[in-house]
Each structure stands twice: as structure tokens, then as C-alpha cells.
Amino acid sequence: MNKPMPSVRRKATNISLDSGLLEEARALQINISRACERGLADQISEAREQQWRADNADALASSNHHVADQGLPLAGFRRF
């Protein structure tokens, strides 16, 4: 059920969690630390994606504008 995580350095930390969620997780024998790591990794991934989109918004808008004006490059060769 629990997939082993790759060996990484770990650091002890204190966090506050919803007591109801904590009790339910313990009842289901969920590894709290690993579940928190997965959730944090997901949040980091989302934040990086949002940052990338913000950093590249001008380039994306420019590209979209070019395609809207000129069409897709090599569109005449598409078979669909």
C-alpha cells in the first residue's frame, strides 16, 4: 500500500494539522510525514507553474497573437 520513498535527507519540523484529519489518517495507518511531503510537493509544483506562466506571459501572448494573425506554421501540411 505505501510505496517506499527514495532516500532523501529529512529534517524534523513542527506543523499544525486539523485534528480530525490527523485522527482519521492515524486510523487508516497513513504515514503523516509522507502525506505532508506529497501535499507540499504538489503545492510547490503548482506555485512553480504559476510563476512560470507569470514570467512568460508576454511571450505566450505574443506567440498567440502571431498565430491568430498568421495562422499555424506549416498548417498547409497538416493531414487533419
C-alpha atoms as a PDB file:
ATOM      1  CA  MET A   1       0.000   0.000   0.000  1.00  0.00           C
ATOM      2  CA  ASN A   2       2.684   2.518   0.993  1.00  0.00           C
ATOM      3  CA  LYS A   3       5.259   2.935  -1.726  1.00  0.00           C
ATOM      4  CA  PRO A   4       8.792   3.493  -0.403  1.00  0.00           C
ATOM      5  CA  MET A   5      10.134   6.992  -0.947  1.00  0.00           C
ATOM      6  CA  PRO A   6      13.599   7.478  -2.407  1.00  0.00           C
ATOM      7  CA  SER A   7      16.285   8.121   0.167  1.00  0.00           C
ATOM      8  CA  VAL A   8      16.463  11.840   0.880  1.00  0.00           C
ATOM      9  CA  ARG A   9      17.681  13.975   3.738  1.00  0.00           C
ATOM     10  CA  ARG A  10      14.920  14.662   6.188  1.00  0.00           C
ATOM     11  CA  LYS A  11      14.576  17.482   8.685  1.00  0.00           C
ATOM     12  CA  ALA A  12      12.289  17.387  11.695  1.00  0.00           C
ATOM     13  CA  THR A  13       9.716  20.170  11.799  1.00  0.00           C
ATOM     14  CA  ASN A  14       6.611  21.091  13.730  1.00  0.00           C
ATOM     15  CA  ILE A  15       3.353  21.644  11.876  1.00  0.00           C
ATOM     16  CA  SER A  16      -0.244  22.175  12.897  1.00  0.00           C
ATOM     17  CA  LEU A  17      -2.839  19.921  11.318  1.00  0.00           C
ATOM     18  CA  ASP A  18      -6.604  19.626  11.511  1.00  0.00           C
ATOM     19  CA  SER A  19      -7.170  17.245  14.432  1.00  0.00           C
ATOM     20  CA  GLY A  20      -9.975  15.422  12.657  1.00  0.00           C
ATOM     21  CA  LEU A  21      -7.806  14.739   9.627  1.00  0.00           C
ATOM     22  CA  LEU A  22      -4.952  13.638  11.851  1.00  0.00           C
ATOM     23  CA  GLU A  23      -7.144  11.156  13.738  1.00  0.00           C
ATOM     24  CA  GLU A  24      -8.577   9.744  10.517  1.00  0.00           C
ATOM     25  CA  ALA A  25      -5.139   9.404   8.954  1.00  0.00           C
ATOM     26  CA  ARG A  26      -3.839   7.561  12.012  1.00  0.00           C
ATOM     27  CA  ALA A  27      -6.877   5.264  11.985  1.00  0.00           C
ATOM     28  CA  LEU A  28      -6.119   4.446   8.360  1.00  0.00           C
ATOM     29  CA  GLN A  29      -2.412   3.973   9.134  1.00  0.00           C
ATOM     30  CA  ILE A  30      -1.375   6.729   6.759  1.00  0.00           C
ATOM     31  CA  ASN A  31       2.203   7.921   7.113  1.00  0.00           C
ATOM     32  CA  ILE A  32       1.604  11.541   8.097  1.00  0.00           C
ATOM     33  CA  SER A  33       5.088  12.748   7.157  1.00  0.00           C
ATOM     34  CA  ARG A  34       4.926  11.203   3.683  1.00  0.00           C
ATOM     35  CA  ALA A  35       1.414  12.505   3.095  1.00  0.00           C
ATOM     36  CA  CYS A  36       2.534  16.016   4.070  1.00  0.00           C
ATOM     37  CA  GLU A  37       5.568  15.718   1.780  1.00  0.00           C
ATOM     38  CA  ARG A  38       3.347  14.726  -1.140  1.00  0.00           C
ATOM     39  CA  GLY A  39       0.986  17.614  -0.464  1.00  0.00           C
ATOM     40  CA  LEU A  40       3.866  20.069  -0.145  1.00  0.00           C
ATOM     41  CA  ALA A  41       5.453  18.764  -3.347  1.00  0.00           C
ATOM     42  CA  ASP A  42       2.120  19.299  -5.151  1.00  0.00           C
ATOM     43  CA  GLN A  43       1.863  22.858  -3.811  1.00  0.00           C
ATOM     44  CA  ILE A  44       5.436  23.617  -4.884  1.00  0.00           C
ATOM     45  CA  SER A  45       4.734  22.266  -8.369  1.00  0.00           C
ATOM     46  CA  GLU A  46       1.605  24.425  -8.689  1.00  0.00           C
ATOM     47  CA  ALA A  47       3.440  27.530  -7.446  1.00  0.00           C
ATOM     48  CA  ARG A  48       6.292  26.943  -9.904  1.00  0.00           C
ATOM     49  CA  GLU A  49       3.818  26.536 -12.756  1.00  0.00           C
ATOM     50  CA  GLN A  50       2.034  29.776 -11.818  1.00  0.00           C
ATOM     51  CA  GLN A  51       5.376  31.572 -11.554  1.00  0.00           C
ATOM     52  CA  TRP A  52       6.460  30.234 -14.961  1.00  0.00           C
ATOM     53  CA  ARG A  53       3.189  31.376 -16.516  1.00  0.00           C
ATOM     54  CA  ALA A  54       3.585  34.842 -14.989  1.00  0.00           C
ATOM     55  CA  ASP A  55       7.238  35.082 -16.066  1.00  0.00           C
ATOM     56  CA  ASN A  56       6.379  34.039 -19.628  1.00  0.00           C
ATOM     57  CA  ALA A  57       3.007  35.740 -20.055  1.00  0.00           C
ATOM     58  CA  ASP A  58       4.330  38.291 -22.549  1.00  0.00           C
ATOM     59  CA  ALA A  59       5.990  35.650 -24.723  1.00  0.00           C
ATOM     60  CA  LEU A  60       2.880  33.453 -24.673  1.00  0.00           C
ATOM     61  CA  ALA A  61       0.643  36.392 -25.570  1.00  0.00           C
ATOM     62  CA  SER A  62       2.993  37.358 -28.407  1.00  0.00           C
ATOM     63  CA  SER A  63       3.020  33.818 -29.760  1.00  0.00           C
ATOM     64  CA  ASN A  64      -0.766  33.548 -29.551  1.00  0.00           C
ATOM     65  CA  HIS A  65      -1.139  36.903 -31.300  1.00  0.00           C
ATOM     66  CA  HIS A  66       1.201  35.784 -34.102  1.00  0.00           C
ATOM     67  CA  VAL A  67      -0.758  32.542 -34.618  1.00  0.00           C
ATOM     68  CA  ALA A  68      -4.042  34.464 -34.605  1.00  0.00           C
ATOM     69  CA  ASP A  69      -2.715  36.829 -37.287  1.00  0.00           C
ATOM     70  CA  GLN A  70      -0.613  34.456 -39.391  1.00  0.00           C
ATOM     71  CA  GLY A  71      -2.075  31.021 -38.659  1.00  0.00           C
ATOM     72  CA  LEU A  72      -0.127  27.982 -37.615  1.00  0.00           C
ATOM     73  CA  PRO A  73       3.271  27.438 -39.234  1.00  0.00           C
ATOM     74  CA  LEU A  74       3.173  24.613 -41.762  1.00  0.00           C
ATOM     75  CA  ALA A  75      -0.630  24.399 -41.431  1.00  0.00           C
ATOM     76  CA  GLY A  76      -0.867  23.520 -45.123  1.00  0.00           C
ATOM     77  CA  PHE A  77       0.952  20.250 -44.454  1.00  0.00           C
ATOM     78  CA  ARG A  78      -1.441  19.058 -41.733  1.00  0.00           C
ATOM     79  CA  ARG A  79      -3.447  15.944 -42.568  1.00  0.00           C
ATOM     80  CA  PHE A  80      -6.194  16.547 -40.017  1.00  0.00           C
END
